[in-house]
Each structure stands twice: as structure tokens, then as C-alpha cells.
N, C-alpha and C. Protein backbone atom coordinates (compact mmCIF):
# COMPACT_ATOMS: atom_id res chain seq x y z
N MET A 1 -78.55 -48.74 34.97
CA MET A 1 -77.32 -49.42 35.33
C MET A 1 -77.71 -50.70 36.05
N HIS A 2 -77.04 -51.79 35.70
CA HIS A 2 -77.29 -53.09 36.32
C HIS A 2 -76.18 -53.38 37.33
N LEU A 3 -76.57 -53.88 38.49
CA LEU A 3 -75.59 -54.31 39.49
C LEU A 3 -75.48 -55.83 39.43
N PHE A 4 -74.24 -56.32 39.32
CA PHE A 4 -73.98 -57.75 39.28
C PHE A 4 -73.04 -58.13 40.40
N GLU A 5 -73.28 -59.31 40.97
CA GLU A 5 -72.35 -59.90 41.93
C GLU A 5 -71.40 -60.79 41.14
N THR A 6 -70.09 -60.53 41.27
CA THR A 6 -69.09 -61.31 40.56
C THR A 6 -68.15 -61.97 41.56
N GLU A 7 -67.27 -62.80 41.05
CA GLU A 7 -66.29 -63.46 41.91
C GLU A 7 -65.33 -62.46 42.54
N ASP A 8 -65.21 -61.26 41.93
CA ASP A 8 -64.33 -60.22 42.45
C ASP A 8 -65.06 -59.11 43.20
N GLY A 9 -66.35 -59.29 43.43
CA GLY A 9 -67.14 -58.28 44.12
C GLY A 9 -68.24 -57.74 43.23
N ASP A 10 -69.04 -56.83 43.76
CA ASP A 10 -70.16 -56.26 43.02
C ASP A 10 -69.67 -55.20 42.04
N ILE A 11 -70.25 -55.21 40.84
CA ILE A 11 -69.89 -54.22 39.82
C ILE A 11 -71.15 -53.70 39.13
N TRP A 12 -71.06 -52.46 38.66
CA TRP A 12 -72.12 -51.84 37.87
C TRP A 12 -71.79 -52.05 36.39
N VAL A 13 -72.81 -52.37 35.60
CA VAL A 13 -72.67 -52.54 34.16
C VAL A 13 -73.77 -51.73 33.48
N CYS A 14 -73.37 -50.87 32.53
CA CYS A 14 -74.36 -50.04 31.85
C CYS A 14 -75.24 -50.89 30.92
N VAL A 15 -76.34 -50.32 30.49
CA VAL A 15 -77.30 -51.02 29.64
C VAL A 15 -76.64 -51.49 28.35
N ASN A 16 -75.84 -50.62 27.71
CA ASN A 16 -75.19 -50.98 26.44
C ASN A 16 -74.22 -52.15 26.61
N CYS A 17 -73.36 -52.09 27.60
CA CYS A 17 -72.41 -53.18 27.84
C CYS A 17 -73.15 -54.46 28.24
N GLY A 18 -74.24 -54.31 28.98
CA GLY A 18 -75.03 -55.46 29.36
C GLY A 18 -75.56 -56.20 28.15
N ARG A 19 -76.00 -55.45 27.13
CA ARG A 19 -76.49 -56.06 25.89
C ARG A 19 -75.34 -56.63 25.07
N GLU A 20 -74.28 -55.83 24.89
CA GLU A 20 -73.16 -56.24 24.05
C GLU A 20 -72.39 -57.42 24.61
N ARG A 21 -72.34 -57.54 25.91
CA ARG A 21 -71.51 -58.58 26.55
C ARG A 21 -72.34 -59.59 27.33
N GLU A 22 -73.59 -59.76 26.92
CA GLU A 22 -74.51 -60.67 27.59
C GLU A 22 -73.96 -62.10 27.66
N ALA A 23 -73.38 -62.59 26.56
CA ALA A 23 -72.84 -63.95 26.55
C ALA A 23 -71.71 -64.10 27.55
N GLU A 24 -70.83 -63.11 27.61
CA GLU A 24 -69.71 -63.14 28.56
C GLU A 24 -70.22 -63.12 30.00
N ILE A 25 -71.23 -62.30 30.28
CA ILE A 25 -71.80 -62.21 31.62
C ILE A 25 -72.40 -63.55 32.04
N ARG A 26 -73.11 -64.20 31.12
CA ARG A 26 -73.69 -65.52 31.42
C ARG A 26 -72.61 -66.57 31.62
N GLU A 27 -71.58 -66.53 30.75
CA GLU A 27 -70.49 -67.50 30.85
C GLU A 27 -69.77 -67.41 32.19
N LYS A 28 -69.55 -66.18 32.65
CA LYS A 28 -68.87 -65.97 33.94
C LYS A 28 -69.80 -66.16 35.12
N GLU A 29 -71.10 -66.37 34.83
CA GLU A 29 -72.12 -66.62 35.85
C GLU A 29 -72.24 -65.49 36.86
N TRP A 30 -72.16 -64.25 36.36
CA TRP A 30 -72.40 -63.10 37.22
C TRP A 30 -73.86 -63.10 37.62
N GLU A 31 -74.14 -62.87 38.89
CA GLU A 31 -75.52 -62.87 39.38
C GLU A 31 -76.07 -61.45 39.37
N TYR A 32 -77.17 -61.29 38.62
CA TYR A 32 -77.86 -60.00 38.55
C TYR A 32 -78.49 -59.71 39.91
N ILE A 33 -78.30 -58.48 40.42
CA ILE A 33 -78.86 -58.10 41.72
C ILE A 33 -80.05 -57.16 41.51
N PHE A 34 -79.82 -55.98 40.91
CA PHE A 34 -80.91 -55.05 40.62
C PHE A 34 -80.43 -53.96 39.68
N ASP A 35 -81.38 -53.12 39.23
CA ASP A 35 -81.09 -51.96 38.38
C ASP A 35 -81.20 -50.69 39.22
N LYS A 36 -80.46 -49.68 38.81
CA LYS A 36 -80.58 -48.37 39.45
C LYS A 36 -80.40 -47.30 38.37
N ASP A 37 -81.29 -46.35 38.35
CA ASP A 37 -81.26 -45.26 37.39
C ASP A 37 -80.58 -44.07 38.05
N ASP A 38 -79.25 -43.97 37.87
CA ASP A 38 -78.47 -42.92 38.53
C ASP A 38 -77.36 -42.47 37.58
N PRO A 39 -77.40 -41.24 37.09
CA PRO A 39 -76.41 -40.78 36.12
C PRO A 39 -74.99 -40.64 36.69
N THR A 40 -74.84 -40.73 38.01
CA THR A 40 -73.49 -40.62 38.59
C THR A 40 -72.76 -41.95 38.63
N LEU A 41 -73.47 -43.06 38.43
CA LEU A 41 -72.83 -44.38 38.42
C LEU A 41 -72.03 -44.56 37.14
N ARG A 42 -70.94 -45.29 37.22
CA ARG A 42 -70.10 -45.56 36.06
C ARG A 42 -69.97 -47.07 35.85
N CYS A 43 -69.99 -47.46 34.60
CA CYS A 43 -69.88 -48.86 34.20
C CYS A 43 -68.47 -49.39 34.47
N HIS A 44 -68.39 -50.56 35.03
CA HIS A 44 -67.10 -51.20 35.31
C HIS A 44 -66.37 -51.56 34.00
N LEU A 45 -67.12 -51.83 32.94
CA LEU A 45 -66.53 -52.30 31.69
C LEU A 45 -66.07 -51.16 30.79
N CYS A 46 -66.94 -50.16 30.55
CA CYS A 46 -66.59 -49.07 29.62
C CYS A 46 -66.26 -47.77 30.33
N LYS A 47 -66.49 -47.72 31.64
CA LYS A 47 -66.23 -46.54 32.49
C LYS A 47 -67.17 -45.37 32.23
N GLY A 48 -68.24 -45.59 31.44
CA GLY A 48 -69.18 -44.53 31.14
C GLY A 48 -70.49 -44.68 31.89
N PRO A 49 -71.35 -43.64 31.81
CA PRO A 49 -72.67 -43.70 32.44
C PRO A 49 -73.68 -44.34 31.50
N ASP A 50 -74.87 -44.63 32.01
CA ASP A 50 -75.96 -45.09 31.15
C ASP A 50 -76.36 -43.98 30.18
N TYR A 51 -76.35 -42.74 30.69
CA TYR A 51 -76.74 -41.58 29.88
C TYR A 51 -76.12 -40.35 30.48
N GLU A 52 -76.02 -39.31 29.69
CA GLU A 52 -75.49 -38.03 30.13
C GLU A 52 -76.66 -37.13 30.54
N VAL A 53 -76.48 -36.36 31.60
CA VAL A 53 -77.49 -35.41 32.05
C VAL A 53 -77.15 -34.04 31.46
N ASP A 54 -78.13 -33.44 30.79
CA ASP A 54 -77.92 -32.09 30.26
C ASP A 54 -77.97 -31.10 31.40
N GLY A 55 -76.97 -30.25 31.49
CA GLY A 55 -76.93 -29.34 32.61
C GLY A 55 -77.05 -27.96 32.15
């Protein structure tokens, strides 16, 4: 999961949305902060996790 600083505050973006919406992220000039590998985090764009944990 990628953390970005936006004009509306910090948001998490999953790997898939980060790839699919890279042009939009650059256009809006969101500043990349860091990555975190945590299955409990949810993407601001698609509302899903980076991956599902088998339980």
C-alpha cells in the first residue's frame, strides 16, 4: 500500500490503483510518502486491500 499526501490529506492507495491511475496521481501532484505492507489497510480509491490474507 502506498501512502500519498494530497490536498485533502493523506490517503492510502493500493498497488493496483497506483499502477492504473498513475497519470491521475501525477496530474494531481500527490506526493508519495512511503509504502506499508499491511493487509488491514484499505485503498482510498477502490476500498480494497493490496491482498487478502488466508485465514
